N, C-alpha and C. Protein backbone atom coordinates (compact mmCIF):
# COMPACT_ATOMS: atom_id res chain seq x y z
N MET A 1 13.64 3.82 9.55
CA MET A 1 13.91 2.66 10.34
C MET A 1 13.34 2.87 11.74
N ALA A 2 12.57 1.93 12.18
CA ALA A 2 11.96 2.04 13.50
C ALA A 2 12.89 1.45 14.53
N THR A 3 12.91 2.06 15.68
CA THR A 3 13.71 1.53 16.78
C THR A 3 12.80 1.22 17.95
N SER A 4 13.20 0.27 18.71
CA SER A 4 12.43 -0.04 19.91
C SER A 4 13.17 0.48 21.13
N ASN A 5 12.43 0.82 22.10
CA ASN A 5 13.02 1.29 23.35
C ASN A 5 13.25 0.07 24.23
N SER A 6 14.50 -0.34 24.30
CA SER A 6 14.81 -1.54 25.09
C SER A 6 15.12 -1.20 26.54
N GLN A 7 15.05 0.08 26.86
CA GLN A 7 15.33 0.49 28.23
C GLN A 7 14.22 -0.01 29.15
N THR A 8 14.59 -0.61 30.26
CA THR A 8 13.59 -1.09 31.21
C THR A 8 13.34 -0.04 32.27
N HIS A 9 12.13 0.03 32.73
CA HIS A 9 11.75 0.97 33.77
C HIS A 9 11.37 0.18 35.02
N PRO A 10 11.81 0.64 36.16
CA PRO A 10 11.45 -0.08 37.38
C PRO A 10 9.95 0.01 37.62
N SER A 11 9.41 -1.02 38.21
CA SER A 11 7.98 -1.03 38.51
C SER A 11 7.67 0.05 39.53
N SER A 12 6.40 0.45 39.57
CA SER A 12 6.02 1.47 40.56
C SER A 12 6.22 0.94 41.97
N GLU A 13 6.07 -0.37 42.17
CA GLU A 13 6.31 -0.97 43.48
C GLU A 13 7.78 -0.82 43.88
N ALA A 14 8.69 -1.03 42.92
CA ALA A 14 10.11 -0.87 43.21
C ALA A 14 10.45 0.57 43.52
N CYS A 15 9.82 1.51 42.81
CA CYS A 15 10.07 2.93 43.07
C CYS A 15 9.58 3.32 44.46
N GLN A 16 8.40 2.81 44.85
CA GLN A 16 7.87 3.12 46.17
C GLN A 16 8.77 2.54 47.25
N ALA A 17 9.26 1.32 47.06
CA ALA A 17 10.14 0.71 48.06
C ALA A 17 11.42 1.51 48.19
N ALA A 18 11.97 1.98 47.06
CA ALA A 18 13.20 2.76 47.10
C ALA A 18 12.97 4.11 47.77
N ALA A 19 11.76 4.62 47.69
CA ALA A 19 11.46 5.93 48.25
C ALA A 19 11.17 5.87 49.75
N ARG A 20 10.99 4.70 50.31
CA ARG A 20 10.71 4.59 51.74
C ARG A 20 11.95 4.95 52.54
N PRO A 21 11.82 5.87 53.48
CA PRO A 21 12.97 6.23 54.31
C PRO A 21 13.40 5.08 55.21
N VAL A 22 14.66 5.06 55.53
CA VAL A 22 15.22 4.10 56.48
C VAL A 22 15.17 4.76 57.86
N ILE A 23 14.70 4.02 58.85
CA ILE A 23 14.62 4.51 60.22
C ILE A 23 15.84 4.00 60.96
N ARG A 24 16.53 4.92 61.66
CA ARG A 24 17.74 4.53 62.39
C ARG A 24 17.99 5.49 63.54
N ARG A 25 18.98 5.15 64.37
CA ARG A 25 19.43 6.05 65.43
C ARG A 25 20.25 7.18 64.80
N PRO A 26 20.18 8.38 65.37
CA PRO A 26 20.98 9.47 64.81
C PRO A 26 22.44 9.39 65.23
N THR A 27 23.28 10.03 64.43
CA THR A 27 24.70 10.19 64.75
C THR A 27 24.99 11.69 64.85
N LEU A 28 26.18 12.03 65.32
CA LEU A 28 26.55 13.45 65.42
C LEU A 28 26.43 14.16 64.08
N ALA A 29 26.70 13.46 63.00
CA ALA A 29 26.62 14.07 61.67
C ALA A 29 25.19 14.47 61.29
N ASP A 30 24.18 13.97 62.02
CA ASP A 30 22.78 14.28 61.73
C ASP A 30 22.27 15.53 62.44
N ALA A 31 23.01 16.05 63.40
CA ALA A 31 22.50 17.12 64.27
C ALA A 31 22.04 18.35 63.50
N VAL A 32 22.79 18.79 62.50
CA VAL A 32 22.41 20.00 61.75
C VAL A 32 21.09 19.77 61.02
N GLN A 33 20.96 18.64 60.34
CA GLN A 33 19.71 18.36 59.62
C GLN A 33 18.54 18.19 60.59
N MET A 34 18.78 17.60 61.77
CA MET A 34 17.72 17.48 62.77
C MET A 34 17.25 18.87 63.20
N PHE A 35 18.19 19.73 63.51
CA PHE A 35 17.91 21.11 63.91
C PHE A 35 17.10 21.83 62.83
N GLU A 36 17.51 21.70 61.59
CA GLU A 36 16.82 22.37 60.49
C GLU A 36 15.41 21.81 60.28
N LEU A 37 15.26 20.50 60.37
CA LEU A 37 13.95 19.89 60.16
C LEU A 37 12.98 20.28 61.28
N ILE A 38 13.43 20.26 62.52
CA ILE A 38 12.58 20.66 63.65
C ILE A 38 12.17 22.13 63.49
N ASN A 39 13.11 22.99 63.12
CA ASN A 39 12.78 24.41 62.96
C ASN A 39 11.85 24.65 61.79
N ALA A 40 11.96 23.86 60.74
CA ALA A 40 11.09 24.03 59.57
C ALA A 40 9.67 23.53 59.85
N ALA A 41 9.51 22.70 60.87
CA ALA A 41 8.18 22.15 61.18
C ALA A 41 7.20 23.24 61.57
N GLY A 42 7.70 24.33 62.13
CA GLY A 42 6.85 25.47 62.44
C GLY A 42 6.10 25.37 63.75
N SER A 43 5.56 24.22 64.09
CA SER A 43 4.73 24.11 65.28
C SER A 43 5.50 23.65 66.51
N LEU A 44 6.75 23.25 66.35
CA LEU A 44 7.54 22.76 67.48
C LEU A 44 8.38 23.87 68.09
N ASP A 45 8.62 23.76 69.40
CA ASP A 45 9.46 24.75 70.07
C ASP A 45 10.87 24.72 69.49
N LYS A 46 11.47 25.88 69.39
CA LYS A 46 12.81 26.01 68.84
C LYS A 46 13.85 25.75 69.94
N ASN A 47 14.90 25.05 69.58
CA ASN A 47 16.01 24.77 70.48
C ASN A 47 17.30 25.07 69.75
N SER A 48 18.40 25.10 70.48
CA SER A 48 19.69 25.39 69.86
C SER A 48 20.23 24.16 69.13
N LEU A 49 21.12 24.39 68.19
CA LEU A 49 21.80 23.30 67.50
C LEU A 49 22.59 22.46 68.50
N TYR A 50 23.15 23.12 69.51
CA TYR A 50 23.93 22.42 70.53
C TYR A 50 23.10 21.31 71.18
N LEU A 51 21.81 21.58 71.42
CA LEU A 51 20.95 20.57 72.03
C LEU A 51 20.89 19.32 71.16
N TYR A 52 20.79 19.49 69.84
CA TYR A 52 20.69 18.32 68.95
C TYR A 52 22.02 17.57 68.88
N LEU A 53 23.14 18.28 69.05
CA LEU A 53 24.43 17.60 69.16
C LEU A 53 24.43 16.72 70.41
N LEU A 54 23.92 17.26 71.53
CA LEU A 54 23.85 16.47 72.77
C LEU A 54 22.92 15.27 72.61
N LEU A 55 21.77 15.48 71.98
CA LEU A 55 20.84 14.37 71.77
C LEU A 55 21.49 13.26 70.94
N CYS A 56 22.21 13.64 69.90
CA CYS A 56 22.88 12.65 69.04
C CYS A 56 24.00 11.92 69.78
N ARG A 57 24.70 12.63 70.64
CA ARG A 57 25.81 12.01 71.36
C ARG A 57 25.35 11.20 72.58
N ASP A 58 24.45 11.79 73.38
CA ASP A 58 24.11 11.20 74.67
C ASP A 58 22.79 10.44 74.71
N PHE A 59 21.91 10.69 73.76
CA PHE A 59 20.58 10.09 73.80
C PHE A 59 20.19 9.43 72.48
N SER A 60 21.16 9.01 71.71
CA SER A 60 20.85 8.43 70.39
C SER A 60 20.04 7.14 70.51
N SER A 61 20.17 6.43 71.61
CA SER A 61 19.42 5.18 71.75
C SER A 61 17.92 5.42 71.88
N THR A 62 17.51 6.63 72.26
CA THR A 62 16.08 6.93 72.39
C THR A 62 15.60 7.93 71.34
N CYS A 63 16.43 8.25 70.38
CA CYS A 63 16.03 9.14 69.29
C CYS A 63 16.05 8.36 67.98
N ARG A 64 15.32 8.85 66.99
CA ARG A 64 15.28 8.22 65.68
C ARG A 64 15.26 9.27 64.59
N VAL A 65 15.83 8.92 63.45
CA VAL A 65 15.72 9.73 62.25
C VAL A 65 15.22 8.85 61.12
N ALA A 66 14.56 9.47 60.16
CA ALA A 66 14.14 8.80 58.94
C ALA A 66 14.94 9.42 57.82
N GLN A 67 15.66 8.61 57.07
CA GLN A 67 16.55 9.10 56.02
C GLN A 67 16.09 8.61 54.66
N SER A 68 15.98 9.55 53.73
CA SER A 68 15.66 9.24 52.34
C SER A 68 16.82 9.76 51.50
N GLY A 69 17.60 8.87 50.92
CA GLY A 69 18.82 9.28 50.24
C GLY A 69 19.78 9.86 51.27
N SER A 70 20.29 11.06 51.01
CA SER A 70 21.20 11.69 51.97
C SER A 70 20.47 12.69 52.87
N ARG A 71 19.17 12.75 52.75
CA ARG A 71 18.37 13.76 53.46
C ARG A 71 17.57 13.14 54.61
N LEU A 72 17.57 13.82 55.76
CA LEU A 72 16.70 13.42 56.85
C LEU A 72 15.31 13.98 56.58
N VAL A 73 14.31 13.13 56.64
CA VAL A 73 12.93 13.55 56.39
C VAL A 73 12.05 13.36 57.62
N GLY A 74 12.62 12.83 58.68
CA GLY A 74 11.89 12.65 59.93
C GLY A 74 12.82 12.63 61.10
N VAL A 75 12.33 13.15 62.25
CA VAL A 75 13.11 13.18 63.48
C VAL A 75 12.19 12.89 64.65
N THR A 76 12.65 12.04 65.55
CA THR A 76 11.99 11.83 66.84
C THR A 76 13.05 11.98 67.91
N THR A 77 12.81 12.89 68.87
CA THR A 77 13.73 13.05 69.98
C THR A 77 13.04 12.57 71.25
N ALA A 78 13.80 11.88 72.09
CA ALA A 78 13.25 11.33 73.33
C ALA A 78 14.39 11.08 74.31
N TYR A 79 14.00 10.87 75.56
CA TYR A 79 15.01 10.57 76.58
C TYR A 79 14.37 9.73 77.68
N LEU A 80 15.21 9.13 78.50
CA LEU A 80 14.76 8.33 79.64
C LEU A 80 14.89 9.20 80.89
N PRO A 81 13.77 9.59 81.52
CA PRO A 81 13.87 10.37 82.76
C PRO A 81 14.64 9.58 83.82
N ALA A 82 15.57 10.25 84.49
CA ALA A 82 16.48 9.57 85.42
C ALA A 82 15.77 8.85 86.55
N ASP A 83 14.68 9.39 87.04
CA ASP A 83 14.02 8.81 88.21
C ASP A 83 12.80 7.96 87.88
N GLN A 84 12.62 7.61 86.60
CA GLN A 84 11.45 6.83 86.21
C GLN A 84 11.87 5.67 85.29
N PRO A 85 12.28 4.57 85.88
CA PRO A 85 12.68 3.43 85.05
C PRO A 85 11.51 2.92 84.22
N LYS A 86 11.79 2.44 83.06
CA LYS A 86 10.80 1.88 82.13
C LYS A 86 9.86 2.94 81.57
N LEU A 87 10.33 4.18 81.50
CA LEU A 87 9.55 5.26 80.90
C LEU A 87 10.44 6.00 79.92
N VAL A 88 9.93 6.25 78.73
CA VAL A 88 10.64 7.09 77.76
C VAL A 88 9.74 8.29 77.47
N PHE A 89 10.33 9.47 77.53
CA PHE A 89 9.58 10.69 77.25
C PHE A 89 9.88 11.11 75.81
N ILE A 90 8.85 11.16 74.98
CA ILE A 90 8.98 11.57 73.58
C ILE A 90 8.88 13.09 73.56
N TRP A 91 9.93 13.74 73.13
CA TRP A 91 9.99 15.18 73.20
C TRP A 91 9.48 15.84 71.92
N GLN A 92 10.06 15.50 70.79
CA GLN A 92 9.66 16.11 69.53
C GLN A 92 9.57 15.05 68.44
N VAL A 93 8.56 15.20 67.58
CA VAL A 93 8.41 14.35 66.40
C VAL A 93 8.13 15.29 65.23
N ALA A 94 8.94 15.20 64.19
CA ALA A 94 8.74 16.04 63.01
C ALA A 94 9.00 15.22 61.75
N VAL A 95 8.20 15.52 60.73
CA VAL A 95 8.38 14.91 59.41
C VAL A 95 8.33 16.03 58.38
N ALA A 96 9.26 15.99 57.42
CA ALA A 96 9.28 17.00 56.36
C ALA A 96 7.91 17.05 55.69
N GLU A 97 7.47 18.25 55.36
CA GLU A 97 6.10 18.45 54.87
C GLU A 97 5.74 17.54 53.70
N GLU A 98 6.63 17.41 52.74
CA GLU A 98 6.31 16.60 51.55
C GLU A 98 6.31 15.10 51.83
N PHE A 99 6.74 14.67 53.03
CA PHE A 99 6.75 13.25 53.40
C PHE A 99 5.66 12.91 54.41
N ARG A 100 4.84 13.90 54.79
CA ARG A 100 3.79 13.65 55.78
C ARG A 100 2.69 12.78 55.18
N GLY A 101 2.01 12.05 56.05
CA GLY A 101 0.92 11.19 55.61
C GLY A 101 1.37 9.84 55.11
N ARG A 102 2.64 9.50 55.28
CA ARG A 102 3.18 8.22 54.80
C ARG A 102 3.49 7.24 55.93
N GLY A 103 3.14 7.60 57.15
CA GLY A 103 3.40 6.71 58.28
C GLY A 103 4.80 6.79 58.83
N ILE A 104 5.56 7.81 58.48
CA ILE A 104 6.96 7.91 58.92
C ILE A 104 7.06 8.18 60.41
N ALA A 105 6.22 9.06 60.95
CA ALA A 105 6.26 9.35 62.39
C ALA A 105 5.96 8.09 63.19
N LEU A 106 4.93 7.35 62.79
CA LEU A 106 4.59 6.12 63.48
C LEU A 106 5.70 5.08 63.33
N ALA A 107 6.35 5.03 62.18
CA ALA A 107 7.45 4.08 61.97
C ALA A 107 8.63 4.39 62.89
N MET A 108 8.93 5.69 63.07
CA MET A 108 10.03 6.05 63.97
C MET A 108 9.70 5.64 65.40
N LEU A 109 8.48 5.92 65.85
CA LEU A 109 8.08 5.54 67.21
C LEU A 109 8.04 4.02 67.37
N THR A 110 7.58 3.31 66.34
CA THR A 110 7.53 1.86 66.38
C THR A 110 8.93 1.27 66.51
N ASP A 111 9.88 1.83 65.78
CA ASP A 111 11.26 1.36 65.87
C ASP A 111 11.81 1.57 67.27
N LEU A 112 11.52 2.72 67.85
CA LEU A 112 11.98 3.01 69.20
C LEU A 112 11.36 2.03 70.20
N VAL A 113 10.06 1.81 70.11
CA VAL A 113 9.38 0.88 71.01
C VAL A 113 9.94 -0.52 70.84
N ALA A 114 10.16 -0.95 69.60
CA ALA A 114 10.69 -2.29 69.35
C ALA A 114 12.06 -2.47 69.98
N ASP A 115 12.84 -1.42 69.98
CA ASP A 115 14.17 -1.45 70.58
C ASP A 115 14.08 -1.54 72.11
N LEU A 116 13.15 -0.80 72.69
CA LEU A 116 13.05 -0.73 74.15
C LEU A 116 12.30 -1.90 74.77
N ALA A 117 11.20 -2.30 74.15
CA ALA A 117 10.28 -3.25 74.77
C ALA A 117 10.56 -4.70 74.39
N ALA A 118 11.81 -5.04 74.23
CA ALA A 118 12.15 -6.40 73.83
C ALA A 118 11.76 -7.42 74.88
N SER A 119 11.72 -7.01 76.15
CA SER A 119 11.34 -7.98 77.18
C SER A 119 10.38 -7.37 78.20
N ASP A 120 10.78 -6.34 78.88
CA ASP A 120 9.96 -5.76 79.93
C ASP A 120 8.98 -4.73 79.40
N PRO A 121 7.85 -4.56 80.06
CA PRO A 121 6.90 -3.53 79.64
C PRO A 121 7.48 -2.11 79.83
N TRP A 122 7.12 -1.23 78.92
CA TRP A 122 7.56 0.15 78.94
C TRP A 122 6.36 1.06 78.86
N PHE A 123 6.56 2.30 79.27
CA PHE A 123 5.57 3.35 79.11
C PHE A 123 6.19 4.46 78.29
N LEU A 124 5.40 5.08 77.44
CA LEU A 124 5.82 6.27 76.70
C LEU A 124 4.99 7.43 77.21
N GLN A 125 5.64 8.58 77.35
CA GLN A 125 4.92 9.80 77.70
C GLN A 125 5.32 10.89 76.73
N THR A 126 4.40 11.81 76.55
CA THR A 126 4.65 13.00 75.75
C THR A 126 3.69 14.07 76.21
N THR A 127 3.96 15.30 75.87
CA THR A 127 2.98 16.36 76.08
C THR A 127 2.57 16.89 74.72
N ILE A 128 1.28 17.20 74.60
CA ILE A 128 0.73 17.67 73.33
C ILE A 128 -0.22 18.81 73.63
N THR A 129 -0.13 19.87 72.85
CA THR A 129 -1.07 20.98 73.01
C THR A 129 -2.44 20.55 72.51
N PRO A 130 -3.51 21.12 73.09
CA PRO A 130 -4.86 20.75 72.65
C PRO A 130 -5.11 20.98 71.16
N SER A 131 -4.43 21.95 70.55
CA SER A 131 -4.67 22.23 69.13
C SER A 131 -3.91 21.29 68.19
N ASN A 132 -2.99 20.49 68.72
CA ASN A 132 -2.17 19.61 67.88
C ASN A 132 -2.86 18.25 67.70
N THR A 133 -3.88 18.25 66.88
CA THR A 133 -4.65 17.01 66.67
C THR A 133 -3.84 15.94 65.94
N ALA A 134 -2.89 16.35 65.10
CA ALA A 134 -2.07 15.36 64.39
C ALA A 134 -1.26 14.52 65.38
N SER A 135 -0.67 15.15 66.39
CA SER A 135 0.09 14.39 67.39
C SER A 135 -0.82 13.53 68.25
N GLN A 136 -2.00 14.04 68.56
CA GLN A 136 -2.96 13.24 69.32
C GLN A 136 -3.31 11.97 68.55
N LYS A 137 -3.53 12.10 67.24
CA LYS A 137 -3.85 10.95 66.40
C LYS A 137 -2.66 9.99 66.31
N LEU A 138 -1.45 10.54 66.23
CA LEU A 138 -0.24 9.71 66.15
C LEU A 138 -0.10 8.82 67.37
N PHE A 139 -0.24 9.40 68.56
CA PHE A 139 -0.05 8.60 69.77
C PHE A 139 -1.22 7.65 70.02
N THR A 140 -2.41 8.02 69.57
CA THR A 140 -3.55 7.09 69.63
C THR A 140 -3.29 5.90 68.70
N ALA A 141 -2.75 6.16 67.51
CA ALA A 141 -2.41 5.08 66.57
C ALA A 141 -1.32 4.19 67.14
N LEU A 142 -0.33 4.78 67.82
CA LEU A 142 0.73 3.98 68.44
C LEU A 142 0.16 3.06 69.51
N ALA A 143 -0.72 3.59 70.35
CA ALA A 143 -1.35 2.78 71.40
C ALA A 143 -2.14 1.64 70.77
N ARG A 144 -2.88 1.95 69.72
CA ARG A 144 -3.68 0.92 69.04
C ARG A 144 -2.77 -0.15 68.43
N LYS A 145 -1.67 0.28 67.83
CA LYS A 145 -0.75 -0.66 67.17
C LYS A 145 -0.20 -1.69 68.17
N PHE A 146 0.08 -1.23 69.40
CA PHE A 146 0.65 -2.12 70.41
C PHE A 146 -0.38 -2.60 71.42
N ARG A 147 -1.66 -2.34 71.12
CA ARG A 147 -2.76 -2.76 71.99
C ARG A 147 -2.51 -2.32 73.44
N ALA A 148 -2.09 -1.08 73.59
CA ALA A 148 -1.77 -0.52 74.90
C ALA A 148 -2.76 0.59 75.24
N PRO A 149 -3.05 0.75 76.51
CA PRO A 149 -3.93 1.85 76.91
C PRO A 149 -3.25 3.20 76.71
N ILE A 150 -4.06 4.24 76.52
CA ILE A 150 -3.56 5.61 76.43
C ILE A 150 -4.41 6.46 77.36
N SER A 151 -3.76 7.34 78.10
CA SER A 151 -4.48 8.21 79.02
C SER A 151 -3.89 9.61 78.92
N SER A 152 -4.66 10.57 79.42
CA SER A 152 -4.17 11.95 79.44
C SER A 152 -4.41 12.56 80.82
N ALA A 153 -3.59 13.53 81.16
CA ALA A 153 -3.67 14.22 82.44
C ALA A 153 -3.09 15.62 82.26
N ASP A 154 -3.22 16.43 83.27
CA ASP A 154 -2.62 17.76 83.21
C ASP A 154 -1.11 17.61 83.06
N GLY A 155 -0.55 18.39 82.15
CA GLY A 155 0.89 18.39 81.94
C GLY A 155 1.48 19.68 82.45
N PHE A 156 1.61 20.66 81.56
CA PHE A 156 2.13 21.97 81.92
C PHE A 156 1.06 23.01 81.61
N HIS A 157 0.54 23.63 82.65
CA HIS A 157 -0.48 24.66 82.48
C HIS A 157 0.14 25.86 81.78
N GLU A 158 -0.66 26.57 80.99
CA GLU A 158 -0.14 27.71 80.22
C GLU A 158 0.49 28.78 81.09
N ASN A 159 0.06 28.93 82.36
CA ASN A 159 0.66 29.96 83.22
C ASN A 159 2.10 29.63 83.59
N LEU A 160 2.51 28.35 83.46
CA LEU A 160 3.89 27.99 83.75
C LEU A 160 4.87 28.56 82.73
N PHE A 161 4.37 28.98 81.57
CA PHE A 161 5.22 29.54 80.53
C PHE A 161 5.44 31.04 80.72
N GLY A 162 4.87 31.59 81.79
CA GLY A 162 5.09 33.00 82.11
C GLY A 162 4.62 33.93 81.00
N ARG A 163 5.45 34.90 80.70
CA ARG A 163 5.09 35.90 79.68
C ARG A 163 5.24 35.38 78.25
N TYR A 164 5.76 34.17 78.11
CA TYR A 164 5.95 33.59 76.79
C TYR A 164 4.65 32.86 76.41
N GLN A 165 3.98 33.37 75.43
CA GLN A 165 2.69 32.81 75.02
C GLN A 165 2.87 31.36 74.57
N HIS A 166 2.18 30.46 75.26
CA HIS A 166 2.27 29.04 74.93
C HIS A 166 1.01 28.35 75.41
N GLU A 167 0.47 27.50 74.56
CA GLU A 167 -0.69 26.71 74.95
C GLU A 167 -0.31 25.75 76.07
N ALA A 168 -1.30 25.35 76.84
CA ALA A 168 -1.07 24.31 77.84
C ALA A 168 -0.60 23.04 77.13
N GLU A 169 0.13 22.22 77.84
CA GLU A 169 0.60 20.93 77.32
C GLU A 169 -0.07 19.82 78.13
N VAL A 170 -0.81 18.96 77.45
CA VAL A 170 -1.49 17.83 78.08
C VAL A 170 -0.52 16.65 78.08
N LEU A 171 -0.41 15.97 79.22
CA LEU A 171 0.48 14.82 79.35
C LEU A 171 -0.26 13.55 78.90
N TYR A 172 0.27 12.89 77.90
CA TYR A 172 -0.28 11.62 77.41
C TYR A 172 0.65 10.49 77.82
N THR A 173 0.06 9.38 78.27
CA THR A 173 0.83 8.19 78.63
C THR A 173 0.29 7.02 77.83
N VAL A 174 1.19 6.29 77.17
CA VAL A 174 0.85 5.08 76.43
C VAL A 174 1.54 3.93 77.15
N GLY A 175 0.76 2.93 77.54
CA GLY A 175 1.39 1.77 78.15
C GLY A 175 0.58 1.22 79.30
N PRO A 176 1.02 0.07 79.78
CA PRO A 176 2.31 -0.55 79.46
C PRO A 176 2.31 -1.16 78.06
N ILE A 177 3.47 -1.07 77.44
CA ILE A 177 3.70 -1.70 76.14
C ILE A 177 4.55 -2.93 76.41
N ALA A 178 3.98 -4.10 76.18
CA ALA A 178 4.69 -5.35 76.46
C ALA A 178 5.63 -5.68 75.30
N ALA A 179 6.30 -6.82 75.43
CA ALA A 179 7.22 -7.26 74.38
C ALA A 179 6.53 -7.16 73.03
N VAL A 180 7.25 -6.65 72.05
CA VAL A 180 6.65 -6.36 70.75
C VAL A 180 6.42 -7.63 69.95
N CYS A 181 5.44 -7.53 69.08
CA CYS A 181 5.12 -8.66 68.23
C CYS A 181 6.24 -8.92 67.23
N GLU A 182 6.29 -10.12 66.69
CA GLU A 182 7.39 -10.54 65.84
C GLU A 182 7.54 -9.72 64.57
N GLU A 183 6.44 -9.17 64.02
CA GLU A 183 6.59 -8.47 62.74
C GLU A 183 7.25 -7.10 62.89
N VAL A 184 7.44 -6.62 64.12
CA VAL A 184 8.10 -5.33 64.34
C VAL A 184 9.53 -5.60 64.76
N GLN A 185 10.45 -5.26 63.92
CA GLN A 185 11.86 -5.49 64.20
C GLN A 185 12.56 -4.17 64.48
N PRO A 186 13.39 -4.06 65.52
CA PRO A 186 14.11 -2.84 65.79
C PRO A 186 15.20 -2.58 64.76
N GLN A 187 15.57 -1.32 64.66
CA GLN A 187 16.67 -0.83 63.82
C GLN A 187 16.47 -1.06 62.33
N ASN A 188 16.57 0.01 61.62
CA ASN A 188 16.55 0.04 60.16
C ASN A 188 15.27 -0.51 59.52
N ILE A 189 14.15 -0.39 60.21
CA ILE A 189 12.92 -0.78 59.53
C ILE A 189 12.55 0.33 58.57
N GLU A 190 11.87 -0.03 57.53
CA GLU A 190 11.44 0.98 56.56
C GLU A 190 10.11 1.52 56.99
N ALA A 191 9.92 2.81 56.73
CA ALA A 191 8.64 3.43 57.04
C ALA A 191 7.56 2.84 56.16
N GLN A 192 6.45 2.52 56.76
CA GLN A 192 5.33 1.97 56.01
C GLN A 192 4.08 2.74 56.38
N ALA A 193 3.32 3.13 55.39
CA ALA A 193 2.07 3.82 55.64
C ALA A 193 1.08 2.83 56.22
N LEU A 194 0.34 3.27 57.22
CA LEU A 194 -0.64 2.39 57.84
C LEU A 194 -2.02 2.78 57.44
């Protein structure tokens, strides 16, 4: 007797949509996973877990995480410098290795910009080492996405790191970024590859 398989399988489009991480602000419960993801990235400076607890508590409005299921697969940390209104400094951006190349880093930054630039123009700054071409491409893509200028200047010279071996950090500025276009909505946007 022959049987038919009546079980339905979701389309590949449905599977891809389900696999897209949700971008959101971090909570205190995310601090451990943020710490682990940043440390696993390998190329980012190491910080204490306590710092990520502070970021989640005091700076969650300028930080983002990308969540797939119960796992964080992306982290963006940032803060607003006290003496520079309308400027957000992007400190760290990390994406789990197996999720790289899917536009998650750009989606986290886009969500942050959409949240901040609802009315007034904003500037984003970050420092990037000369060897970190992936981050240079990320911030160039962000500038292009929002049709904003990008510039670079001296950031932190390598001698400022003293006896601790560290490449120089080049200061990149993106902006002004004006009110965001309608297709970019803040909070809980899904990561989309560009």
